[in-house]
Amino acid sequence: MYAIIRTGGKQYQVTAGERLRVEKLVGNVGDSIELADVLMVADGEDIKIGRPVVEGAKVSARIVEQDKAKKVVVFRKRRRGGYRVKNGHRQPFTGLEIQGISL
């Protein structure tokens, strides 16, 4: 059984027991959350597609980490102008462990 969920403007295919990183969600490590934005649920041959979401479907997950990703260095330079700018960015994320999918 798997589901397609939408969070943080992206879509993810999840199954029970899977770990994934999503855009930052509010909560502390160890908290349980429910993701109600379920776009599709497939259980073998039985497939339910939402318009836009499947009514009554929820994915329960547990927050396992709140952290920042590796630094991405942004460097801009214009030749012969003496213009150099170096910036860095670390995107915050939330690590989830999917506990179950319910209809």
PDB file of N, CA and C in Angstrom:
ATOM      1  N   MET A   1       0.848  -1.180   0.000  1.00  0.00           N
ATOM      2  CA  MET A   1       0.000   0.000   0.000  1.00  0.00           C
ATOM      3  C   MET A   1       0.891   1.239   0.000  1.00  0.00           C
ATOM      4  N   TYR A   2       0.565   2.193  -0.863  1.00  0.00           N
ATOM      5  CA  TYR A   2       1.300   3.449  -0.893  1.00  0.00           C
ATOM      6  C   TYR A   2       0.339   4.592  -1.159  1.00  0.00           C
ATOM      7  N   ALA A   3       0.834   5.809  -0.901  1.00  0.00           N
ATOM      8  CA  ALA A   3       0.019   7.000  -1.103  1.00  0.00           C
ATOM      9  C   ALA A   3       0.880   8.099  -1.710  1.00  0.00           C
ATOM     10  N   ILE A   4       0.216   9.002  -2.407  1.00  0.00           N
ATOM     11  CA  ILE A   4       0.870  10.203  -2.918  1.00  0.00           C
ATOM     12  C   ILE A   4       0.376  11.361  -2.059  1.00  0.00           C
ATOM     13  N   ILE A   5       1.310  12.054  -1.381  1.00  0.00           N
ATOM     14  CA  ILE A   5       0.940  13.176  -0.520  1.00  0.00           C
ATOM     15  C   ILE A   5       1.532  14.462  -1.069  1.00  0.00           C
ATOM     16  N   ARG A   6       0.945  15.583  -0.651  1.00  0.00           N
ATOM     17  CA  ARG A   6       1.443  16.892  -1.060  1.00  0.00           C
ATOM     18  C   ARG A   6       1.756  17.699   0.193  1.00  0.00           C
ATOM     19  N   THR A   7       2.997  18.163   0.290  1.00  0.00           N
ATOM     20  CA  THR A   7       3.403  19.022   1.397  1.00  0.00           C
ATOM     21  C   THR A   7       4.561  19.901   0.940  1.00  0.00           C
ATOM     22  N   GLY A   8       4.529  21.146   1.328  1.00  0.00           N
ATOM     23  CA  GLY A   8       5.589  22.072   0.970  1.00  0.00           C
ATOM     24  C   GLY A   8       5.663  22.355  -0.515  1.00  0.00           C
ATOM     25  N   GLY A   9       4.536  22.236  -1.227  1.00  0.00           N
ATOM     26  CA  GLY A   9       4.525  22.509  -2.657  1.00  0.00           C
ATOM     27  C   GLY A   9       5.082  21.385  -3.507  1.00  0.00           C
ATOM     28  N   LYS A  10       5.381  20.237  -2.902  1.00  0.00           N
ATOM     29  CA  LYS A  10       5.924  19.093  -3.632  1.00  0.00           C
ATOM     30  C   LYS A  10       5.070  17.867  -3.358  1.00  0.00           C
ATOM     31  N   GLN A  11       5.198  16.859  -4.223  1.00  0.00           N
ATOM     32  CA  GLN A  11       4.466  15.613  -4.052  1.00  0.00           C
ATOM     33  C   GLN A  11       5.455  14.488  -3.771  1.00  0.00           C
ATOM     34  N   TYR A  12       5.053  13.585  -2.859  1.00  0.00           N
ATOM     35  CA  TYR A  12       5.907  12.474  -2.463  1.00  0.00           C
ATOM     36  C   TYR A  12       5.107  11.180  -2.486  1.00  0.00           C
ATOM     37  N   GLN A  13       5.745  10.091  -2.926  1.00  0.00           N
ATOM     38  CA  GLN A  13       5.145   8.763  -2.835  1.00  0.00           C
ATOM     39  C   GLN A  13       5.666   8.127  -1.561  1.00  0.00           C
ATOM     40  N   VAL A  14       4.762   7.725  -0.657  1.00  0.00           N
ATOM     41  CA  VAL A  14       5.172   7.201   0.646  1.00  0.00           C
ATOM     42  C   VAL A  14       4.537   5.849   0.913  1.00  0.00           C
ATOM     43  N   THR A  15       5.252   5.036   1.685  1.00  0.00           N
ATOM     44  CA  THR A  15       4.747   3.766   2.186  1.00  0.00           C
ATOM     45  C   THR A  15       5.011   3.733   3.688  1.00  0.00           C
ATOM     46  N   ALA A  16       4.352   2.831   4.389  1.00  0.00           N
ATOM     47  CA  ALA A  16       4.534   2.727   5.839  1.00  0.00           C
ATOM     48  C   ALA A  16       5.963   2.288   6.152  1.00  0.00           C
ATOM     49  N   GLY A  17       6.562   2.930   7.145  1.00  0.00           N
ATOM     50  CA  GLY A  17       7.921   2.612   7.554  1.00  0.00           C
ATOM     51  C   GLY A  17       9.003   3.384   6.832  1.00  0.00           C
ATOM     52  N   GLU A  18       8.647   4.148   5.820  1.00  0.00           N
ATOM     53  CA  GLU A  18       9.611   4.894   5.020  1.00  0.00           C
ATOM     54  C   GLU A  18      10.008   6.194   5.723  1.00  0.00           C
ATOM     55  N   ARG A  19      11.256   6.627   5.500  1.00  0.00           N
ATOM     56  CA  ARG A  19      11.723   7.919   6.003  1.00  0.00           C
ATOM     57  C   ARG A  19      11.959   8.854   4.836  1.00  0.00           C
ATOM     58  N   LEU A  20      11.581  10.122   4.992  1.00  0.00           N
ATOM     59  CA  LEU A  20      11.802  11.087   3.936  1.00  0.00           C
ATOM     60  C   LEU A  20      11.995  12.468   4.522  1.00  0.00           C
ATOM     61  N   ARG A  21      12.600  13.344   3.717  1.00  0.00           N
ATOM     62  CA  ARG A  21      12.810  14.731   4.103  1.00  0.00           C
ATOM     63  C   ARG A  21      11.840  15.612   3.325  1.00  0.00           C
ATOM     64  N   VAL A  22      11.140  16.474   4.047  1.00  0.00           N
ATOM     65  CA  VAL A  22      10.198  17.400   3.417  1.00  0.00           C
ATOM     66  C   VAL A  22      10.556  18.821   3.843  1.00  0.00           C
ATOM     67  N   GLU A  23       9.923  19.801   3.220  1.00  0.00           N
ATOM     68  CA  GLU A  23      10.121  21.186   3.630  1.00  0.00           C
ATOM     69  C   GLU A  23       9.703  21.333   5.095  1.00  0.00           C
ATOM     70  N   LYS A  24      10.282  22.296   5.771  1.00  0.00           N
ATOM     71  CA  LYS A  24      10.108  22.453   7.214  1.00  0.00           C
ATOM     72  C   LYS A  24       8.644  22.482   7.638  1.00  0.00           C
ATOM     73  N   LEU A  25       8.320  21.638   8.628  1.00  0.00           N
ATOM     74  CA  LEU A  25       6.994  21.593   9.232  1.00  0.00           C
ATOM     75  C   LEU A  25       7.112  22.004  10.695  1.00  0.00           C
ATOM     76  N   VAL A  26       6.055  22.559  11.250  1.00  0.00           N
ATOM     77  CA  VAL A  26       6.053  22.976  12.639  1.00  0.00           C
ATOM     78  C   VAL A  26       5.918  21.752  13.531  1.00  0.00           C
ATOM     79  N   GLY A  27       6.758  21.666  14.544  1.00  0.00           N
ATOM     80  CA  GLY A  27       6.701  20.557  15.490  1.00  0.00           C
ATOM     81  C   GLY A  27       8.081  20.230  16.025  1.00  0.00           C
ATOM     82  N   ASN A  28       8.097  19.431  17.080  1.00  0.00           N
ATOM     83  CA  ASN A  28       9.343  19.019  17.704  1.00  0.00           C
ATOM     84  C   ASN A  28       9.635  17.564  17.373  1.00  0.00           C
ATOM     85  N   VAL A  29      10.888  17.168  17.585  1.00  0.00           N
ATOM     86  CA  VAL A  29      11.282  15.782  17.346  1.00  0.00           C
ATOM     87  C   VAL A  29      10.487  14.881  18.283  1.00  0.00           C
ATOM     88  N   GLY A  30       9.910  13.829  17.724  1.00  0.00           N
ATOM     89  CA  GLY A  30       9.091  12.895  18.491  1.00  0.00           C
ATOM     90  C   GLY A  30       7.604  13.144  18.377  1.00  0.00           C
ATOM     91  N   ASP A  31       7.203  14.315  17.884  1.00  0.00           N
ATOM     92  CA  ASP A  31       5.780  14.622  17.719  1.00  0.00           C
ATOM     93  C   ASP A  31       5.186  13.802  16.586  1.00  0.00           C
ATOM     94  N   SER A  32       3.913  13.452  16.723  1.00  0.00           N
ATOM     95  CA  SER A  32       3.181  12.774  15.653  1.00  0.00           C
ATOM     96  C   SER A  32       2.341  13.801  14.914  1.00  0.00           C
ATOM     97  N   ILE A  33       2.310  13.679  13.593  1.00  0.00           N
ATOM     98  CA  ILE A  33       1.508  14.589  12.783  1.00  0.00           C
ATOM     99  C   ILE A  33       0.687  13.774  11.800  1.00  0.00           C
ATOM    100  N   GLU A  34      -0.371  14.387  11.306  1.00  0.00           N
ATOM    101  CA  GLU A  34      -1.197  13.754  10.284  1.00  0.00           C
ATOM    102  C   GLU A  34      -1.183  14.632   9.042  1.00  0.00           C
ATOM    103  N   LEU A  35      -0.914  14.024   7.914  1.00  0.00           N
ATOM    104  CA  LEU A  35      -0.903  14.724   6.634  1.00  0.00           C
ATOM    105  C   LEU A  35      -2.209  14.390   5.927  1.00  0.00           C
ATOM    106  N   ALA A  36      -3.075  15.384   5.782  1.00  0.00           N
ATOM    107  CA  ALA A  36      -4.400  15.157   5.208  1.00  0.00           C
ATOM    108  C   ALA A  36      -4.458  15.472   3.720  1.00  0.00           C
ATOM    109  N   ASP A  37      -3.382  15.999   3.156  1.00  0.00           N
ATOM    110  CA  ASP A  37      -3.333  16.343   1.736  1.00  0.00           C
ATOM    111  C   ASP A  37      -2.920  15.114   0.933  1.00  0.00           C
ATOM    112  N   VAL A  38      -3.777  14.102   0.894  1.00  0.00           N
ATOM    113  CA  VAL A  38      -3.496  12.838   0.213  1.00  0.00           C
ATOM    114  C   VAL A  38      -4.143  12.888  -1.169  1.00  0.00           C
ATOM    115  N   LEU A  39      -3.322  12.805  -2.212  1.00  0.00           N
ATOM    116  CA  LEU A  39      -3.819  12.918  -3.579  1.00  0.00           C
ATOM    117  C   LEU A  39      -4.244  11.583  -4.174  1.00  0.00           C
ATOM    118  N   MET A  40      -3.606  10.483  -3.729  1.00  0.00           N
ATOM    119  CA  MET A  40      -3.929   9.164  -4.267  1.00  0.00           C
ATOM    120  C   MET A  40      -3.543   8.090  -3.252  1.00  0.00           C
ATOM    121  N   VAL A  41      -4.329   7.037  -3.194  1.00  0.00           N
ATOM    122  CA  VAL A  41      -4.018   5.883  -2.354  1.00  0.00           C
ATOM    123  C   VAL A  41      -4.154   4.638  -3.208  1.00  0.00           C
ATOM    124  N   ALA A  42      -3.126   3.782  -3.185  1.00  0.00           N
ATOM    125  CA  ALA A  42      -3.144   2.534  -3.950  1.00  0.00           C
ATOM    126  C   ALA A  42      -2.901   1.373  -3.005  1.00  0.00           C
ATOM    127  N   ASP A  43      -3.803   0.382  -3.062  1.00  0.00           N
ATOM    128  CA  ASP A  43      -3.675  -0.828  -2.257  1.00  0.00           C
ATOM    129  C   ASP A  43      -3.848  -2.008  -3.198  1.00  0.00           C
ATOM    130  N   GLY A  44      -2.747  -2.465  -3.786  1.00  0.00           N
ATOM    131  CA  GLY A  44      -2.816  -3.536  -4.772  1.00  0.00           C
ATOM    132  C   GLY A  44      -3.504  -3.056  -6.028  1.00  0.00           C
ATOM    133  N   GLU A  45      -4.615  -3.692  -6.369  1.00  0.00           N
ATOM    134  CA  GLU A  45      -5.378  -3.311  -7.557  1.00  0.00           C
ATOM    135  C   GLU A  45      -6.374  -2.193  -7.273  1.00  0.00           C
ATOM    136  N   ASP A  46      -6.640  -1.922  -5.992  1.00  0.00           N
ATOM    137  CA  ASP A  46      -7.597  -0.890  -5.605  1.00  0.00           C
ATOM    138  C   ASP A  46      -6.896   0.466  -5.549  1.00  0.00           C
ATOM    139  N   ILE A  47      -7.237   1.364  -6.463  1.00  0.00           N
ATOM    140  CA  ILE A  47      -6.617   2.688  -6.539  1.00  0.00           C
ATOM    141  C   ILE A  47      -7.697   3.745  -6.385  1.00  0.00           C
ATOM    142  N   LYS A  48      -7.459   4.681  -5.446  1.00  0.00           N
ATOM    143  CA  LYS A  48      -8.388   5.780  -5.243  1.00  0.00           C
ATOM    144  C   LYS A  48      -7.657   7.080  -5.548  1.00  0.00           C
ATOM    145  N   ILE A  49      -8.185   7.827  -6.501  1.00  0.00           N
ATOM    146  CA  ILE A  49      -7.593   9.086  -6.922  1.00  0.00           C
ATOM    147  C   ILE A  49      -8.508  10.213  -6.459  1.00  0.00           C
ATOM    148  N   GLY A  50      -7.931  11.215  -5.817  1.00  0.00           N
ATOM    149  CA  GLY A  50      -8.707  12.327  -5.284  1.00  0.00           C
ATOM    150  C   GLY A  50      -8.957  13.404  -6.311  1.00  0.00           C
ATOM    151  N   ARG A  51      -9.960  14.235  -6.020  1.00  0.00           N
ATOM    152  CA  ARG A  51     -10.296  15.370  -6.887  1.00  0.00           C
ATOM    153  C   ARG A  51     -10.477  16.608  -6.033  1.00  0.00           C
ATOM    154  N   PRO A  52      -9.485  17.304  -5.566  1.00  0.00           N
ATOM    155  CA  PRO A  52      -8.056  17.033  -5.701  1.00  0.00           C
ATOM    156  C   PRO A  52      -7.493  16.109  -4.632  1.00  0.00           C
ATOM    157  N   VAL A  53      -8.184  15.933  -3.494  1.00  0.00           N
ATOM    158  CA  VAL A  53      -7.680  15.038  -2.450  1.00  0.00           C
ATOM    159  C   VAL A  53      -8.672  13.909  -2.204  1.00  0.00           C
ATOM    160  N   VAL A  54      -8.173  12.796  -1.673  1.00  0.00           N
ATOM    161  CA  VAL A  54      -9.015  11.657  -1.328  1.00  0.00           C
ATOM    162  C   VAL A  54      -9.713  11.973  -0.008  1.00  0.00           C
ATOM    163  N   GLU A  55     -11.044  11.920  -0.006  1.00  0.00           N
ATOM    164  CA  GLU A  55     -11.820  12.241   1.191  1.00  0.00           C
ATOM    165  C   GLU A  55     -11.567  11.217   2.290  1.00  0.00           C
ATOM    166  N   GLY A  56     -11.240  11.704   3.486  1.00  0.00           N
ATOM    167  CA  GLY A  56     -11.068  10.839   4.647  1.00  0.00           C
ATOM    168  C   GLY A  56      -9.726  10.130   4.727  1.00  0.00           C
ATOM    169  N   ALA A  57      -8.877  10.289   3.750  1.00  0.00           N
ATOM    170  CA  ALA A  57      -7.570   9.620   3.770  1.00  0.00           C
ATOM    171  C   ALA A  57      -6.582  10.466   4.553  1.00  0.00           C
ATOM    172  N   LYS A  58      -5.778   9.801   5.394  1.00  0.00           N
ATOM    173  CA  LYS A  58      -4.760  10.475   6.182  1.00  0.00           C
ATOM    174  C   LYS A  58      -3.513   9.627   6.222  1.00  0.00           C
ATOM    175  N   VAL A  59      -2.373  10.308   6.281  1.00  0.00           N
ATOM    176  CA  VAL A  59      -1.093   9.633   6.455  1.00  0.00           C
ATOM    177  C   VAL A  59      -0.541  10.102   7.791  1.00  0.00           C
ATOM    178  N   SER A  60      -0.285   9.160   8.695  1.00  0.00           N
ATOM    179  CA  SER A  60       0.273   9.516   9.994  1.00  0.00           C
ATOM    180  C   SER A  60       1.778   9.342   9.945  1.00  0.00           C
ATOM    181  N   ALA A  61       2.475  10.311  10.536  1.00  0.00           N
ATOM    182  CA  ALA A  61       3.940  10.300  10.510  1.00  0.00           C
ATOM    183  C   ALA A  61       4.468  10.812  11.843  1.00  0.00           C
ATOM    184  N   ARG A  62       5.748  10.524  12.085  1.00  0.00           N
ATOM    185  CA  ARG A  62       6.423  10.984  13.290  1.00  0.00           C
ATOM    186  C   ARG A  62       7.637  11.803  12.869  1.00  0.00           C
ATOM    187  N   ILE A  63       7.852  12.936  13.524  1.00  0.00           N
ATOM    188  CA  ILE A  63       9.007  13.782  13.218  1.00  0.00           C
ATOM    189  C   ILE A  63      10.236  13.166  13.865  1.00  0.00           C
ATOM    190  N   VAL A  64      11.242  12.832  13.046  1.00  0.00           N
ATOM    191  CA  VAL A  64      12.465  12.229  13.569  1.00  0.00           C
ATOM    192  C   VAL A  64      13.634  13.200  13.579  1.00  0.00           C
ATOM    193  N   GLU A  65      13.561  14.293  12.804  1.00  0.00           N
ATOM    194  CA  GLU A  65      14.614  15.301  12.866  1.00  0.00           C
ATOM    195  C   GLU A  65      14.132  16.638  12.316  1.00  0.00           C
ATOM    196  N   GLN A  66      14.702  17.697  12.878  1.00  0.00           N
ATOM    197  CA  GLN A  66      14.509  19.063  12.404  1.00  0.00           C
ATOM    198  C   GLN A  66      15.918  19.616  12.208  1.00  0.00           C
ATOM    199  N   ASP A  67      16.304  19.909  10.986  1.00  0.00           N
ATOM    200  CA  ASP A  67      17.682  20.293  10.723  1.00  0.00           C
ATOM    201  C   ASP A  67      17.750  21.198   9.501  1.00  0.00           C
ATOM    202  N   LYS A  68      18.970  21.521   9.102  1.00  0.00           N
ATOM    203  CA  LYS A  68      19.206  22.280   7.884  1.00  0.00           C
ATOM    204  C   LYS A  68      20.040  21.424   6.940  1.00  0.00           C
ATOM    205  N   ALA A  69      19.812  21.591   5.645  1.00  0.00           N
ATOM    206  CA  ALA A  69      20.557  20.842   4.633  1.00  0.00           C
ATOM    207  C   ALA A  69      21.970  21.398   4.518  1.00  0.00           C
ATOM    208  N   LYS A  70      22.788  20.739   3.708  1.00  0.00           N
ATOM    209  CA  LYS A  70      24.144  21.219   3.483  1.00  0.00           C
ATOM    210  C   LYS A  70      24.107  22.598   2.832  1.00  0.00           C
ATOM    211  N   LYS A  71      25.175  23.357   3.059  1.00  0.00           N
ATOM    212  CA  LYS A  71      25.230  24.718   2.547  1.00  0.00           C
ATOM    213  C   LYS A  71      25.413  24.731   1.032  1.00  0.00           C
ATOM    214  N   VAL A  72      24.623  25.580   0.390  1.00  0.00           N
ATOM    215  CA  VAL A  72      24.757  25.827  -1.045  1.00  0.00           C
ATOM    216  C   VAL A  72      25.421  27.190  -1.178  1.00  0.00           C
ATOM    217  N   VAL A  73      26.577  27.238  -1.853  1.00  0.00           N
ATOM    218  CA  VAL A  73      27.314  28.487  -2.009  1.00  0.00           C
ATOM    219  C   VAL A  73      26.863  29.169  -3.296  1.00  0.00           C
ATOM    220  N   VAL A  74      26.510  30.458  -3.173  1.00  0.00           N
ATOM    221  CA  VAL A  74      26.090  31.262  -4.320  1.00  0.00           C
ATOM    222  C   VAL A  74      27.162  32.319  -4.532  1.00  0.00           C
ATOM    223  N   PHE A  75      27.834  32.280  -5.679  1.00  0.00           N
ATOM    224  CA  PHE A  75      28.922  33.218  -5.962  1.00  0.00           C
ATOM    225  C   PHE A  75      28.607  33.965  -7.242  1.00  0.00           C
ATOM    226  N   ARG A  76      28.639  35.295  -7.161  1.00  0.00           N
ATOM    227  CA  ARG A  76      28.376  36.127  -8.329  1.00  0.00           C
ATOM    228  C   ARG A  76      29.602  36.975  -8.603  1.00  0.00           C
ATOM    229  N   LYS A  77      29.930  37.140  -9.873  1.00  0.00           N
ATOM    230  CA  LYS A  77      31.102  37.918 -10.253  1.00  0.00           C
ATOM    231  C   LYS A  77      30.849  38.559 -11.601  1.00  0.00           C
ATOM    232  N   ARG A  78      31.273  39.786 -11.730  1.00  0.00           N
ATOM    233  CA  ARG A  78      31.231  40.454 -13.037  1.00  0.00           C
ATOM    234  C   ARG A  78      32.672  40.737 -13.444  1.00  0.00           C
ATOM    235  N   ARG A  79      33.019  40.318 -14.611  1.00  0.00           N
ATOM    236  CA  ARG A  79      34.402  40.491 -15.052  1.00  0.00           C
ATOM    237  C   ARG A  79      34.757  41.964 -15.226  1.00  0.00           C
ATOM    238  N   ARG A  80      35.952  42.277 -14.906  1.00  0.00           N
ATOM    239  CA  ARG A  80      36.533  43.611 -15.037  1.00  0.00           C
ATOM    240  C   ARG A  80      35.779  44.682 -14.253  1.00  0.00           C
ATOM    241  N   GLY A  81      34.983  44.292 -13.304  1.00  0.00           N
ATOM    242  CA  GLY A  81      34.214  45.298 -12.584  1.00  0.00           C
ATOM    243  C   GLY A  81      34.536  45.357 -11.106  1.00  0.00           C
ATOM    244  N   GLY A  82      35.304  44.402 -10.645  1.00  0.00           N
ATOM    245  CA  GLY A  82      35.593  44.354  -9.218  1.00  0.00           C
ATOM    246  C   GLY A  82      34.376  43.988  -8.392  1.00  0.00           C
ATOM    247  N   TYR A  83      33.394  43.324  -9.005  1.00  0.00           N
ATOM    248  CA  TYR A  83      32.145  42.953  -8.327  1.00  0.00           C
ATOM    249  C   TYR A  83      32.183  41.469  -8.003  1.00  0.00           C
ATOM    250  N   ARG A  84      32.263  41.163  -6.703  1.00  0.00           N
ATOM    251  CA  ARG A  84      32.267  39.771  -6.250  1.00  0.00           C
ATOM    252  C   ARG A  84      31.373  39.666  -5.021  1.00  0.00           C
ATOM    253  N   VAL A  85      30.421  38.752  -5.045  1.00  0.00           N
ATOM    254  CA  VAL A  85      29.535  38.521  -3.911  1.00  0.00           C
ATOM    255  C   VAL A  85      29.471  37.028  -3.647  1.00  0.00           C
ATOM    256  N   LYS A  86      29.700  36.635  -2.405  1.00  0.00           N
ATOM    257  CA  LYS A  86      29.621  35.221  -2.028  1.00  0.00           C
ATOM    258  C   LYS A  86      28.607  35.086  -0.898  1.00  0.00           C
ATOM    259  N   ASN A  87      27.572  34.312  -1.138  1.00  0.00           N
ATOM    260  CA  ASN A  87      26.531  34.050  -0.144  1.00  0.00           C
ATOM    261  C   ASN A  87      26.371  32.550   0.021  1.00  0.00           C
ATOM    262  N   GLY A  88      25.803  32.160   1.159  1.00  0.00           N
ATOM    263  CA  GLY A  88      25.502  30.760   1.401  1.00  0.00           C
ATOM    264  C   GLY A  88      24.057  30.623   1.843  1.00  0.00           C
ATOM    265  N   HIS A  89      23.503  29.439   1.632  1.00  0.00           N
ATOM    266  CA  HIS A  89      22.114  29.188   2.033  1.00  0.00           C
ATOM    267  C   HIS A  89      21.985  27.757   2.536  1.00  0.00           C
ATOM    268  N   ARG A  90      21.330  27.598   3.682  1.00  0.00           N
ATOM    269  CA  ARG A  90      21.028  26.273   4.225  1.00  0.00           C
ATOM    270  C   ARG A  90      19.519  26.164   4.383  1.00  0.00           C
ATOM    271  N   GLN A  91      18.909  25.301   3.583  1.00  0.00           N
ATOM    272  CA  GLN A  91      17.453  25.143   3.587  1.00  0.00           C
ATOM    273  C   GLN A  91      17.024  24.289   4.779  1.00  0.00           C
ATOM    274  N   PRO A  92      16.110  24.770   5.623  1.00  0.00           N
ATOM    275  CA  PRO A  92      15.624  23.937   6.722  1.00  0.00           C
ATOM    276  C   PRO A  92      14.706  22.830   6.209  1.00  0.00           C
ATOM    277  N   PHE A  93      14.767  21.660   6.862  1.00  0.00           N
ATOM    278  CA  PHE A  93      13.914  20.545   6.472  1.00  0.00           C
ATOM    279  C   PHE A  93      13.428  19.811   7.713  1.00  0.00           C
ATOM    280  N   THR A  94      12.439  18.954   7.507  1.00  0.00           N
ATOM    281  CA  THR A  94      11.911  18.092   8.554  1.00  0.00           C
ATOM    282  C   THR A  94      12.025  16.655   8.076  1.00  0.00           C
ATOM    283  N   GLY A  95      12.616  15.800   8.891  1.00  0.00           N
ATOM    284  CA  GLY A  95      12.701  14.376   8.584  1.00  0.00           C
ATOM    285  C   GLY A  95      11.495  13.661   9.175  1.00  0.00           C
ATOM    286  N   LEU A  96      10.772  12.928   8.330  1.00  0.00           N
ATOM    287  CA  LEU A  96       9.566  12.210   8.762  1.00  0.00           C
ATOM    288  C   LEU A  96       9.748  10.713   8.631  1.00  0.00           C
ATOM    289  N   GLU A  97       9.125   9.979   9.549  1.00  0.00           N
ATOM    290  CA  GLU A  97       8.998   8.526   9.410  1.00  0.00           C
ATOM    291  C   GLU A  97       7.512   8.224   9.287  1.00  0.00           C
ATOM    292  N   ILE A  98       7.124   7.641   8.158  1.00  0.00           N
ATOM    293  CA  ILE A  98       5.714   7.348   7.894  1.00  0.00           C
ATOM    294  C   ILE A  98       5.300   6.144   8.730  1.00  0.00           C
ATOM    295  N   GLN A  99       4.243   6.313   9.522  1.00  0.00           N
ATOM    296  CA  GLN A  99       3.784   5.223  10.387  1.00  0.00           C
ATOM    297  C   GLN A  99       2.622   4.445   9.790  1.00  0.00           C
ATOM    298  N   GLY A 100       1.758   5.105   9.041  1.00  0.00           N
ATOM    299  CA  GLY A 100       0.633   4.379   8.473  1.00  0.00           C
ATOM    300  C   GLY A 100      -0.204   5.234   7.537  1.00  0.00           C
ATOM    301  N   ILE A 101      -0.987   4.539   6.714  1.00  0.00           N
ATOM    302  CA  ILE A 101      -1.890   5.187   5.776  1.00  0.00           C
ATOM    303  C   ILE A 101      -3.292   4.683   6.088  1.00  0.00           C
ATOM    304  N   SER A 102      -4.218   5.617   6.289  1.00  0.00           N
ATOM    305  CA  SER A 102      -5.588   5.201   6.601  1.00  0.00           C
ATOM    306  C   SER A 102      -6.564   5.853   5.647  1.00  0.00           C
ATOM    307  N   LEU A 103      -7.651   5.128   5.361  1.00  0.00           N
ATOM    308  CA  LEU A 103      -8.692   5.639   4.461  1.00  0.00           C
ATOM    309  C   LEU A 103      -9.909   6.090   5.232  1.00  0.00           C
TER     310      LEU A 103
END
